[in-house]
Amino acid sequence: CRPRILFEFEKHVSECRGDDWPSYVAFFEAHQYDTFSIL
């Protein structure tokens, strides 16, 4: 569907789960998405 995606990156709790920002970047890059900070 190629939808727009609103999501949060909560650094501390994400990293506690082993998901750091580069993991998010890799996911979106693999799906050919650009990410923009909105807050």
PDB file of all heavy atoms in Angstrom:
ATOM      1  N   CYS A   1       0.787  -1.233   0.000  1.00  0.00           N
ATOM      2  CA  CYS A   1       0.000   0.000   0.000  1.00  0.00           C
ATOM      3  C   CYS A   1       0.821   1.286   0.000  1.00  0.00           C
ATOM      4  O   CYS A   1       0.311   2.334  -0.380  1.00  0.00           O
ATOM      5  CB  CYS A   1      -0.926   0.015   1.218  1.00  0.00           C
ATOM      6  SG  CYS A   1      -2.122  -1.327   1.235  1.00  0.00           S
ATOM      7  N   ARG A   2       2.075   1.220   0.463  1.00  0.00           N
ATOM      8  CA  ARG A   2       2.957   2.380   0.541  1.00  0.00           C
ATOM      9  C   ARG A   2       2.326   3.536   1.332  1.00  0.00           C
ATOM     10  O   ARG A   2       2.293   4.681   0.880  1.00  0.00           O
ATOM     11  CB  ARG A   2       3.364   2.858  -0.856  1.00  0.00           C
ATOM     12  CG  ARG A   2       3.903   1.771  -1.768  1.00  0.00           C
ATOM     13  CD  ARG A   2       5.249   1.239  -1.390  1.00  0.00           C
ATOM     14  NE  ARG A   2       6.267   2.256  -1.582  1.00  0.00           N
ATOM     15  CZ  ARG A   2       7.375   2.335  -0.851  1.00  0.00           C
ATOM     16  NH1 ARG A   2       7.621   1.443   0.074  1.00  0.00           N
ATOM     17  NH2 ARG A   2       8.245   3.286  -1.067  1.00  0.00           N
ATOM     18  N   PRO A   3       1.815   3.259   2.533  1.00  0.00           N
ATOM     19  CA  PRO A   3       1.178   4.319   3.319  1.00  0.00           C
ATOM     20  C   PRO A   3       2.204   5.249   3.951  1.00  0.00           C
ATOM     21  O   PRO A   3       3.389   4.913   4.062  1.00  0.00           O
ATOM     22  CB  PRO A   3       0.454   3.533   4.419  1.00  0.00           C
ATOM     23  CG  PRO A   3       1.359   2.359   4.649  1.00  0.00           C
ATOM     24  CD  PRO A   3       1.847   1.988   3.257  1.00  0.00           C
ATOM     25  N   ARG A   4       1.759   6.406   4.380  1.00  0.00           N
ATOM     26  CA  ARG A   4       2.570   7.248   5.250  1.00  0.00           C
ATOM     27  C   ARG A   4       2.531   6.600   6.630  1.00  0.00           C
ATOM     28  O   ARG A   4       1.535   5.966   6.988  1.00  0.00           O
ATOM     29  CB  ARG A   4       2.029   8.665   5.294  1.00  0.00           C
ATOM     30  CG  ARG A   4       2.209   9.362   3.965  1.00  0.00           C
ATOM     31  CD  ARG A   4       1.596  10.743   3.945  1.00  0.00           C
ATOM     32  NE  ARG A   4       1.832  11.329   2.639  1.00  0.00           N
ATOM     33  CZ  ARG A   4       2.595  12.374   2.420  1.00  0.00           C
ATOM     34  NH1 ARG A   4       3.196  12.972   3.425  1.00  0.00           N
ATOM     35  NH2 ARG A   4       2.761  12.839   1.206  1.00  0.00           N
ATOM     36  N   ILE A   5       3.604   6.771   7.373  1.00  0.00           N
ATOM     37  CA  ILE A   5       3.695   6.116   8.676  1.00  0.00           C
ATOM     38  C   ILE A   5       4.097   7.142   9.727  1.00  0.00           C
ATOM     39  O   ILE A   5       5.147   7.792   9.605  1.00  0.00           O
ATOM     40  CB  ILE A   5       4.724   4.968   8.650  1.00  0.00           C
ATOM     41  CG1 ILE A   5       4.335   3.935   7.591  1.00  0.00           C
ATOM     42  CG2 ILE A   5       4.844   4.321  10.034  1.00  0.00           C
ATOM     43  CD1 ILE A   5       5.422   2.906   7.303  1.00  0.00           C
ATOM     44  N   LEU A   6       3.271   7.304  10.733  1.00  0.00           N
ATOM     45  CA  LEU A   6       3.603   8.124  11.895  1.00  0.00           C
ATOM     46  C   LEU A   6       4.087   7.176  12.978  1.00  0.00           C
ATOM     47  O   LEU A   6       3.420   6.182  13.283  1.00  0.00           O
ATOM     48  CB  LEU A   6       2.369   8.870  12.403  1.00  0.00           C
ATOM     49  CG  LEU A   6       1.901  10.037  11.556  1.00  0.00           C
ATOM     50  CD1 LEU A   6       0.517  10.483  12.004  1.00  0.00           C
ATOM     51  CD2 LEU A   6       2.876  11.189  11.652  1.00  0.00           C
ATOM     52  N   PHE A   7       5.253   7.456  13.556  1.00  0.00           N
ATOM     53  CA  PHE A   7       5.780   6.579  14.587  1.00  0.00           C
ATOM     54  C   PHE A   7       6.616   7.369  15.575  1.00  0.00           C
ATOM     55  O   PHE A   7       6.998   8.509  15.316  1.00  0.00           O
ATOM     56  CB  PHE A   7       6.615   5.445  13.963  1.00  0.00           C
ATOM     57  CG  PHE A   7       7.921   5.893  13.357  1.00  0.00           C
ATOM     58  CD1 PHE A   7       9.108   5.755  14.051  1.00  0.00           C
ATOM     59  CD2 PHE A   7       7.965   6.452  12.095  1.00  0.00           C
ATOM     60  CE1 PHE A   7      10.315   6.161  13.498  1.00  0.00           C
ATOM     61  CE2 PHE A   7       9.161   6.865  11.527  1.00  0.00           C
ATOM     62  CZ  PHE A   7      10.345   6.716  12.232  1.00  0.00           C
ATOM     63  N   GLU A   8       6.854   6.751  16.704  1.00  0.00           N
ATOM     64  CA  GLU A   8       7.711   7.340  17.726  1.00  0.00           C
ATOM     65  C   GLU A   8       9.013   6.562  17.805  1.00  0.00           C
ATOM     66  O   GLU A   8       9.022   5.353  17.612  1.00  0.00           O
ATOM     67  CB  GLU A   8       7.055   7.263  19.098  1.00  0.00           C
ATOM     68  CG  GLU A   8       5.851   8.134  19.264  1.00  0.00           C
ATOM     69  CD  GLU A   8       5.272   8.004  20.658  1.00  0.00           C
ATOM     70  OE1 GLU A   8       5.349   6.920  21.256  1.00  0.00           O
ATOM     71  OE2 GLU A   8       4.750   9.007  21.142  1.00  0.00           O
ATOM     72  N   PHE A   9      10.086   7.274  18.059  1.00  0.00           N
ATOM     73  CA  PHE A   9      11.330   6.614  18.445  1.00  0.00           C
ATOM     74  C   PHE A   9      11.643   7.106  19.844  1.00  0.00           C
ATOM     75  O   PHE A   9      12.026   8.260  20.043  1.00  0.00           O
ATOM     76  CB  PHE A   9      12.488   6.933  17.494  1.00  0.00           C
ATOM     77  CG  PHE A   9      13.795   6.369  17.982  1.00  0.00           C
ATOM     78  CD1 PHE A   9      14.011   4.999  17.966  1.00  0.00           C
ATOM     79  CD2 PHE A   9      14.776   7.185  18.497  1.00  0.00           C
ATOM     80  CE1 PHE A   9      15.198   4.458  18.437  1.00  0.00           C
ATOM     81  CE2 PHE A   9      15.973   6.656  18.966  1.00  0.00           C
ATOM     82  CZ  PHE A   9      16.183   5.296  18.944  1.00  0.00           C
ATOM     83  N   GLU A  10      11.417   6.249  20.802  1.00  0.00           N
ATOM     84  CA  GLU A  10      11.709   6.570  22.197  1.00  0.00           C
ATOM     85  C   GLU A  10      13.035   5.906  22.533  1.00  0.00           C
ATOM     86  O   GLU A  10      13.095   4.715  22.784  1.00  0.00           O
ATOM     87  CB  GLU A  10      10.584   6.088  23.085  1.00  0.00           C
ATOM     88  CG  GLU A  10       9.280   6.804  22.762  1.00  0.00           C
ATOM     89  CD  GLU A  10       8.151   6.373  23.656  1.00  0.00           C
ATOM     90  OE1 GLU A  10       8.272   6.543  24.881  1.00  0.00           O
ATOM     91  OE2 GLU A  10       7.163   5.873  23.117  1.00  0.00           O
ATOM     92  N   LYS A  11      14.082   6.709  22.472  1.00  0.00           N
ATOM     93  CA  LYS A  11      15.449   6.211  22.538  1.00  0.00           C
ATOM     94  C   LYS A  11      15.692   5.231  23.679  1.00  0.00           C
ATOM     95  O   LYS A  11      16.151   4.118  23.444  1.00  0.00           O
ATOM     96  CB  LYS A  11      16.413   7.397  22.639  1.00  0.00           C
ATOM     97  CG  LYS A  11      17.879   7.024  22.599  1.00  0.00           C
ATOM     98  CD  LYS A  11      18.730   8.280  22.622  1.00  0.00           C
ATOM     99  CE  LYS A  11      20.199   8.103  22.502  1.00  0.00           C
ATOM    100  NZ  LYS A  11      20.807   6.844  22.676  1.00  0.00           N
ATOM    101  N   HIS A  12      15.375   5.606  24.876  1.00  0.00           N
ATOM    102  CA  HIS A  12      15.718   4.766  26.023  1.00  0.00           C
ATOM    103  C   HIS A  12      14.997   3.414  25.983  1.00  0.00           C
ATOM    104  O   HIS A  12      15.632   2.371  26.076  1.00  0.00           O
ATOM    105  CB  HIS A  12      15.414   5.489  27.332  1.00  0.00           C
ATOM    106  CG  HIS A  12      15.846   4.708  28.529  1.00  0.00           C
ATOM    107  ND1 HIS A  12      17.174   4.590  28.890  1.00  0.00           N
ATOM    108  CD2 HIS A  12      15.137   3.984  29.416  1.00  0.00           C
ATOM    109  CE1 HIS A  12      17.252   3.834  29.964  1.00  0.00           C
ATOM    110  NE2 HIS A  12      16.034   3.457  30.307  1.00  0.00           N
ATOM    111  N   VAL A  13      13.686   3.427  25.817  1.00  0.00           N
ATOM    112  CA  VAL A  13      12.962   2.155  25.846  1.00  0.00           C
ATOM    113  C   VAL A  13      13.178   1.342  24.575  1.00  0.00           C
ATOM    114  O   VAL A  13      13.176   0.116  24.616  1.00  0.00           O
ATOM    115  CB  VAL A  13      11.463   2.334  26.171  1.00  0.00           C
ATOM    116  CG1 VAL A  13      11.278   2.754  27.614  1.00  0.00           C
ATOM    117  CG2 VAL A  13      10.799   3.334  25.253  1.00  0.00           C
ATOM    118  N   SER A  14      13.400   1.992  23.447  1.00  0.00           N
ATOM    119  CA  SER A  14      13.714   1.252  22.212  1.00  0.00           C
ATOM    120  C   SER A  14      15.043   0.520  22.362  1.00  0.00           C
ATOM    121  O   SER A  14      15.165  -0.652  22.004  1.00  0.00           O
ATOM    122  CB  SER A  14      13.778   2.194  21.014  1.00  0.00           C
ATOM    123  OG  SER A  14      12.514   2.721  20.710  1.00  0.00           O
ATOM    124  N   GLU A  15      16.031   1.231  22.880  1.00  0.00           N
ATOM    125  CA  GLU A  15      17.348   0.612  23.038  1.00  0.00           C
ATOM    126  C   GLU A  15      17.338  -0.490  24.082  1.00  0.00           C
ATOM    127  O   GLU A  15      18.085  -1.461  23.967  1.00  0.00           O
ATOM    128  CB  GLU A  15      18.388   1.683  23.346  1.00  0.00           C
ATOM    129  CG  GLU A  15      18.669   2.543  22.120  1.00  0.00           C
ATOM    130  CD  GLU A  15      19.635   3.681  22.356  1.00  0.00           C
ATOM    131  OE1 GLU A  15      19.999   3.947  23.528  1.00  0.00           O
ATOM    132  OE2 GLU A  15      20.031   4.310  21.356  1.00  0.00           O
ATOM    133  N   CYS A  16      16.464  -0.392  25.082  1.00  0.00           N
ATOM    134  CA  CYS A  16      16.323  -1.491  26.047  1.00  0.00           C
ATOM    135  C   CYS A  16      15.856  -2.767  25.351  1.00  0.00           C
ATOM    136  O   CYS A  16      16.135  -3.871  25.799  1.00  0.00           O
ATOM    137  CB  CYS A  16      15.332  -1.116  27.150  1.00  0.00           C
ATOM    138  SG  CYS A  16      15.969   0.069  28.338  1.00  0.00           S
ATOM    139  N   ARG A  17      15.134  -2.609  24.252  1.00  0.00           N
ATOM    140  CA  ARG A  17      14.649  -3.753  23.467  1.00  0.00           C
ATOM    141  C   ARG A  17      15.643  -4.160  22.382  1.00  0.00           C
ATOM    142  O   ARG A  17      15.388  -5.056  21.605  1.00  0.00           O
ATOM    143  CB  ARG A  17      13.318  -3.404  22.832  1.00  0.00           C
ATOM    144  CG  ARG A  17      12.193  -3.240  23.813  1.00  0.00           C
ATOM    145  CD  ARG A  17      10.918  -2.863  23.081  1.00  0.00           C
ATOM    146  NE  ARG A  17       9.788  -2.940  23.973  1.00  0.00           N
ATOM    147  CZ  ARG A  17       9.435  -1.991  24.829  1.00  0.00           C
ATOM    148  NH1 ARG A  17      10.131  -0.887  24.904  1.00  0.00           N
ATOM    149  NH2 ARG A  17       8.382  -2.141  25.610  1.00  0.00           N
ATOM    150  N   GLY A  18      16.753  -3.444  22.271  1.00  0.00           N
ATOM    151  CA  GLY A  18      17.755  -3.765  21.265  1.00  0.00           C
ATOM    152  C   GLY A  18      17.501  -3.105  19.925  1.00  0.00           C
ATOM    153  O   GLY A  18      18.122  -3.466  18.919  1.00  0.00           O
ATOM    154  N   ASP A  19      16.592  -2.138  19.872  1.00  0.00           N
ATOM    155  CA  ASP A  19      16.259  -1.436  18.630  1.00  0.00           C
ATOM    156  C   ASP A  19      16.787  -0.010  18.707  1.00  0.00           C
ATOM    157  O   ASP A  19      16.161   0.854  19.307  1.00  0.00           O
ATOM    158  CB  ASP A  19      14.746  -1.416  18.412  1.00  0.00           C
ATOM    159  CG  ASP A  19      14.159  -2.807  18.247  1.00  0.00           C
ATOM    160  OD1 ASP A  19      14.865  -3.686  17.732  1.00  0.00           O
ATOM    161  OD2 ASP A  19      12.998  -3.011  18.650  1.00  0.00           O
ATOM    162  N   ASP A  20      17.929   0.243  18.087  1.00  0.00           N
ATOM    163  CA  ASP A  20      18.496   1.590  18.097  1.00  0.00           C
ATOM    164  C   ASP A  20      18.066   2.334  16.828  1.00  0.00           C
ATOM    165  O   ASP A  20      17.439   1.774  15.932  1.00  0.00           O
ATOM    166  CB  ASP A  20      20.014   1.543  18.237  1.00  0.00           C
ATOM    167  CG  ASP A  20      20.691   0.733  17.133  1.00  0.00           C
ATOM    168  OD1 ASP A  20      20.020   0.306  16.167  1.00  0.00           O
ATOM    169  OD2 ASP A  20      21.907   0.534  17.240  1.00  0.00           O
ATOM    170  N   TRP A  21      18.403   3.624  16.756  1.00  0.00           N
ATOM    171  CA  TRP A  21      17.999   4.434  15.601  1.00  0.00           C
ATOM    172  C   TRP A  21      18.509   3.862  14.276  1.00  0.00           C
ATOM    173  O   TRP A  21      17.756   3.828  13.299  1.00  0.00           O
ATOM    174  CB  TRP A  21      18.417   5.889  15.801  1.00  0.00           C
ATOM    175  CG  TRP A  21      17.984   6.754  14.659  1.00  0.00           C
ATOM    176  CD1 TRP A  21      18.780   7.391  13.764  1.00  0.00           C
ATOM    177  CD2 TRP A  21      16.635   7.030  14.255  1.00  0.00           C
ATOM    178  NE1 TRP A  21      18.013   8.065  12.836  1.00  0.00           N
ATOM    179  CE2 TRP A  21      16.697   7.862  13.102  1.00  0.00           C
ATOM    180  CE3 TRP A  21      15.385   6.664  14.741  1.00  0.00           C
ATOM    181  CZ2 TRP A  21      15.562   8.327  12.461  1.00  0.00           C
ATOM    182  CZ3 TRP A  21      14.254   7.135  14.085  1.00  0.00           C
ATOM    183  CH2 TRP A  21      14.351   7.950  12.965  1.00  0.00           C
ATOM    184  N   PRO A  22      19.759   3.388  14.185  1.00  0.00           N
ATOM    185  CA  PRO A  22      20.198   2.799  12.916  1.00  0.00           C
ATOM    186  C   PRO A  22      19.325   1.604  12.468  1.00  0.00           C
ATOM    187  O   PRO A  22      19.160   1.378  11.272  1.00  0.00           O
ATOM    188  CB  PRO A  22      21.638   2.365  13.197  1.00  0.00           C
ATOM    189  CG  PRO A  22      22.103   3.332  14.236  1.00  0.00           C
ATOM    190  CD  PRO A  22      20.895   3.543  15.127  1.00  0.00           C
ATOM    191  N   SER A  23      18.729   0.893  13.400  1.00  0.00           N
ATOM    192  CA  SER A  23      17.817  -0.205  13.040  1.00  0.00           C
ATOM    193  C   SER A  23      16.567   0.335  12.354  1.00  0.00           C
ATOM    194  O   SER A  23      16.068  -0.250  11.395  1.00  0.00           O
ATOM    195  CB  SER A  23      17.411  -0.999  14.280  1.00  0.00           C
ATOM    196  OG  SER A  23      18.529  -1.540  14.925  1.00  0.00           O
ATOM    197  N   TYR A  24      16.062   1.456  12.861  1.00  0.00           N
ATOM    198  CA  TYR A  24      14.902   2.096  12.237  1.00  0.00           C
ATOM    199  C   TYR A  24      15.265   2.602  10.849  1.00  0.00           C
ATOM    200  O   TYR A  24      14.517   2.404   9.884  1.00  0.00           O
ATOM    201  CB  TYR A  24      14.399   3.262  13.099  1.00  0.00           C
ATOM    202  CG  TYR A  24      13.577   2.859  14.292  1.00  0.00           C
ATOM    203  CD1 TYR A  24      14.166   2.307  15.426  1.00  0.00           C
ATOM    204  CD2 TYR A  24      12.202   3.050  14.297  1.00  0.00           C
ATOM    205  CE1 TYR A  24      13.412   1.955  16.533  1.00  0.00           C
ATOM    206  CE2 TYR A  24      11.429   2.702  15.400  1.00  0.00           C
ATOM    207  CZ  TYR A  24      12.046   2.156  16.509  1.00  0.00           C
ATOM    208  OH  TYR A  24      11.286   1.798  17.589  1.00  0.00           O
ATOM    209  N   VAL A  25      16.413   3.261  10.745  1.00  0.00           N
ATOM    210  CA  VAL A  25      16.867   3.783   9.452  1.00  0.00           C
ATOM    211  C   VAL A  25      16.981   2.647   8.444  1.00  0.00           C
ATOM    212  O   VAL A  25      16.524   2.766   7.299  1.00  0.00           O
ATOM    213  CB  VAL A  25      18.211   4.533   9.601  1.00  0.00           C
ATOM    214  CG1 VAL A  25      18.807   4.873   8.240  1.00  0.00           C
ATOM    215  CG2 VAL A  25      18.021   5.786  10.449  1.00  0.00           C
ATOM    216  N   ALA A  26      17.570   1.537   8.841  1.00  0.00           N
ATOM    217  CA  ALA A  26      17.730   0.391   7.940  1.00  0.00           C
ATOM    218  C   ALA A  26      16.377  -0.155   7.497  1.00  0.00           C
ATOM    219  O   ALA A  26      16.192  -0.501   6.319  1.00  0.00           O
ATOM    220  CB  ALA A  26      18.559  -0.705   8.620  1.00  0.00           C
ATOM    221  N   PHE A  27      15.422  -0.230   8.414  1.00  0.00           N
ATOM    222  CA  PHE A  27      14.081  -0.720   8.066  1.00  0.00           C
ATOM    223  C   PHE A  27      13.456   0.164   6.993  1.00  0.00           C
ATOM    224  O   PHE A  27      12.980  -0.316   5.965  1.00  0.00           O
ATOM    225  CB  PHE A  27      13.176  -0.753   9.309  1.00  0.00           C
ATOM    226  CG  PHE A  27      11.766  -1.156   9.009  1.00  0.00           C
ATOM    227  CD1 PHE A  27      11.403  -2.494   8.976  1.00  0.00           C
ATOM    228  CD2 PHE A  27      10.795  -0.201   8.743  1.00  0.00           C
ATOM    229  CE1 PHE A  27      10.095  -2.872   8.691  1.00  0.00           C
ATOM    230  CE2 PHE A  27       9.484  -0.559   8.457  1.00  0.00           C
ATOM    231  CZ  PHE A  27       9.140  -1.908   8.432  1.00  0.00           C
ATOM    232  N   PHE A  28      13.456   1.473   7.240  1.00  0.00           N
ATOM    233  CA  PHE A  28      12.817   2.383   6.281  1.00  0.00           C
ATOM    234  C   PHE A  28      13.590   2.467   4.969  1.00  0.00           C
ATOM    235  O   PHE A  28      12.980   2.582   3.899  1.00  0.00           O
ATOM    236  CB  PHE A  28      12.588   3.759   6.906  1.00  0.00           C
ATOM    237  CG  PHE A  28      11.457   3.747   7.898  1.00  0.00           C
ATOM    238  CD1 PHE A  28      11.692   3.906   9.249  1.00  0.00           C
ATOM    239  CD2 PHE A  28      10.154   3.548   7.473  1.00  0.00           C
ATOM    240  CE1 PHE A  28      10.647   3.874  10.161  1.00  0.00           C
ATOM    241  CE2 PHE A  28       9.095   3.509   8.362  1.00  0.00           C
ATOM    242  CZ  PHE A  28       9.348   3.677   9.716  1.00  0.00           C
ATOM    243  N   GLU A  29      14.896   2.374   5.024  1.00  0.00           N
ATOM    244  CA  GLU A  29      15.699   2.367   3.799  1.00  0.00           C
ATOM    245  C   GLU A  29      15.362   1.129   2.957  1.00  0.00           C
ATOM    246  O   GLU A  29      15.208   1.220   1.738  1.00  0.00           O
ATOM    247  CB  GLU A  29      17.189   2.402   4.149  1.00  0.00           C
ATOM    248  CG  GLU A  29      18.092   2.580   2.961  1.00  0.00           C
ATOM    249  CD  GLU A  29      17.865   3.880   2.206  1.00  0.00           C
ATOM    250  OE1 GLU A  29      17.579   4.921   2.820  1.00  0.00           O
ATOM    251  OE2 GLU A  29      17.977   3.845   0.958  1.00  0.00           O
ATOM    252  N   ALA A  30      15.226  -0.010   3.605  1.00  0.00           N
ATOM    253  CA  ALA A  30      14.887  -1.250   2.887  1.00  0.00           C
ATOM    254  C   ALA A  30      13.534  -1.146   2.189  1.00  0.00           C
ATOM    255  O   ALA A  30      13.312  -1.777   1.156  1.00  0.00           O
ATOM    256  CB  ALA A  30      14.893  -2.432   3.858  1.00  0.00           C
ATOM    257  N   HIS A  31      12.634  -0.336   2.746  1.00  0.00           N
ATOM    258  CA  HIS A  31      11.305  -0.153   2.154  1.00  0.00           C
ATOM    259  C   HIS A  31      11.212   1.114   1.311  1.00  0.00           C
ATOM    260  O   HIS A  31      10.131   1.470   0.852  1.00  0.00           O
ATOM    261  CB  HIS A  31      10.238  -0.154   3.261  1.00  0.00           C
ATOM    262  CG  HIS A  31      10.078  -1.492   3.889  1.00  0.00           C
ATOM    263  ND1 HIS A  31       9.375  -2.518   3.299  1.00  0.00           N
ATOM    264  CD2 HIS A  31      10.571  -2.000   5.046  1.00  0.00           C
ATOM    265  CE1 HIS A  31       9.428  -3.585   4.069  1.00  0.00           C
ATOM    266  NE2 HIS A  31      10.156  -3.306   5.132  1.00  0.00           N
ATOM    267  N   GLN A  32      12.347   1.783   1.113  1.00  0.00           N
ATOM    268  CA  GLN A  32      12.431   3.001   0.308  1.00  0.00           C
ATOM    269  C   GLN A  32      11.513   4.104   0.833  1.00  0.00           C
ATOM    270  O   GLN A  32      10.681   4.657   0.113  1.00  0.00           O
ATOM    271  CB  GLN A  32      12.161   2.692  -1.163  1.00  0.00           C
ATOM    272  CG  GLN A  32      13.189   1.745  -1.727  1.00  0.00           C
ATOM    273  CD  GLN A  32      12.981   1.468  -3.208  1.00  0.00           C
ATOM    274  OE1 GLN A  32      12.027   1.925  -3.815  1.00  0.00           O
ATOM    275  NE2 GLN A  32      13.905   0.718  -3.774  1.00  0.00           N
ATOM    276  N   TYR A  33      11.713   4.398   2.118  1.00  0.00           N
ATOM    277  CA  TYR A  33      10.995   5.484   2.784  1.00  0.00           C
ATOM    278  C   TYR A  33      12.004   6.509   3.281  1.00  0.00           C
ATOM    279  O   TYR A  33      13.126   6.165   3.635  1.00  0.00           O
ATOM    280  CB  TYR A  33      10.231   4.965   4.007  1.00  0.00           C
ATOM    281  CG  TYR A  33       8.827   4.476   3.733  1.00  0.00           C
ATOM    282  CD1 TYR A  33       8.600   3.290   3.050  1.00  0.00           C
ATOM    283  CD2 TYR A  33       7.725   5.190   4.194  1.00  0.00           C
ATOM    284  CE1 TYR A  33       7.317   2.838   2.817  1.00  0.00           C
ATOM    285  CE2 TYR A  33       6.435   4.733   3.969  1.00  0.00           C
ATOM    286  CZ  TYR A  33       6.230   3.565   3.286  1.00  0.00           C
ATOM    287  OH  TYR A  33       4.955   3.125   3.060  1.00  0.00           O
ATOM    288  N   ASP A  34      11.585   7.769   3.319  1.00  0.00           N
ATOM    289  CA  ASP A  34      12.342   8.834   3.966  1.00  0.00           C
ATOM    290  C   ASP A  34      11.647   9.156   5.278  1.00  0.00           C
ATOM    291  O   ASP A  34      10.414   9.101   5.367  1.00  0.00           O
ATOM    292  CB  ASP A  34      12.383  10.089   3.093  1.00  0.00           C
ATOM    293  CG  ASP A  34      13.183   9.872   1.822  1.00  0.00           C
ATOM    294  OD1 ASP A  34      14.256   9.235   1.887  1.00  0.00           O
ATOM    295  OD2 ASP A  34      12.727  10.334   0.755  1.00  0.00           O
ATOM    296  N   THR A  35      12.430   9.499   6.300  1.00  0.00           N
ATOM    297  CA  THR A  35      11.850   9.840   7.596  1.00  0.00           C
ATOM    298  C   THR A  35      12.121  11.305   7.916  1.00  0.00           C
ATOM    299  O   THR A  35      13.180  11.844   7.570  1.00  0.00           O
ATOM    300  CB  THR A  35      12.413   8.954   8.728  1.00  0.00           C
ATOM    301  OG1 THR A  35      13.825   9.109   8.791  1.00  0.00           O
ATOM    302  CG2 THR A  35      12.059   7.492   8.507  1.00  0.00           C
ATOM    303  N   PHE A  36      11.159  11.921   8.591  1.00  0.00           N
ATOM    304  CA  PHE A  36      11.238  13.323   8.966  1.00  0.00           C
ATOM    305  C   PHE A  36      10.804  13.471  10.413  1.00  0.00           C
ATOM    306  O   PHE A  36       9.761  12.937  10.807  1.00  0.00           O
ATOM    307  CB  PHE A  36      10.309  14.173   8.081  1.00  0.00           C
ATOM    308  CG  PHE A  36      10.594  14.028   6.613  1.00  0.00           C
ATOM    309  CD1 PHE A  36       9.917  13.082   5.857  1.00  0.00           C
ATOM    310  CD2 PHE A  36      11.555  14.823   6.005  1.00  0.00           C
ATOM    311  CE1 PHE A  36      10.185  12.935   4.502  1.00  0.00           C
ATOM    312  CE2 PHE A  36      11.828  14.682   4.651  1.00  0.00           C
ATOM    313  CZ  PHE A  36      11.149  13.737   3.901  1.00  0.00           C
ATOM    314  N   SER A  37      11.592  14.188  11.193  1.00  0.00           N
ATOM    315  CA  SER A  37      11.229  14.484  12.577  1.00  0.00           C
ATOM    316  C   SER A  37      10.097  15.497  12.574  1.00  0.00           C
ATOM    317  O   SER A  37      10.169  16.513  11.872  1.00  0.00           O
ATOM    318  CB  SER A  37      12.437  15.042  13.319  1.00  0.00           C
ATOM    319  OG  SER A  37      12.074  15.438  14.612  1.00  0.00           O
ATOM    320  N   ILE A  38       9.050  15.236  13.341  1.00  0.00           N
ATOM    321  CA  ILE A  38       7.953  16.200  13.413  1.00  0.00           C
ATOM    322  C   ILE A  38       7.775  16.776  14.813  1.00  0.00           C
ATOM    323  O   ILE A  38       6.998  17.673  15.014  1.00  0.00           O
ATOM    324  CB  ILE A  38       6.622  15.608  12.891  1.00  0.00           C
ATOM    325  CG1 ILE A  38       6.232  14.349  13.642  1.00  0.00           C
ATOM    326  CG2 ILE A  38       6.708  15.353  11.404  1.00  0.00           C
ATOM    327  CD1 ILE A  38       4.864  13.813  13.256  1.00  0.00           C
ATOM    328  N   LEU A  39       8.522  16.235  15.788  1.00  0.00           N
ATOM    329  CA  LEU A  39       8.464  16.790  17.142  1.00  0.00           C
ATOM    330  C   LEU A  39       9.734  16.397  17.880  1.00  0.00           C
ATOM    331  O   LEU A  39       9.914  15.229  18.210  1.00  0.00           O
ATOM    332  CB  LEU A  39       7.236  16.278  17.902  1.00  0.00           C
ATOM    333  CG  LEU A  39       7.082  16.763  19.338  1.00  0.00           C
ATOM    334  CD1 LEU A  39       6.906  18.279  19.370  1.00  0.00           C
ATOM    335  CD2 LEU A  39       5.893  16.095  19.995  1.00  0.00           C
TER     336      LEU A  39
END
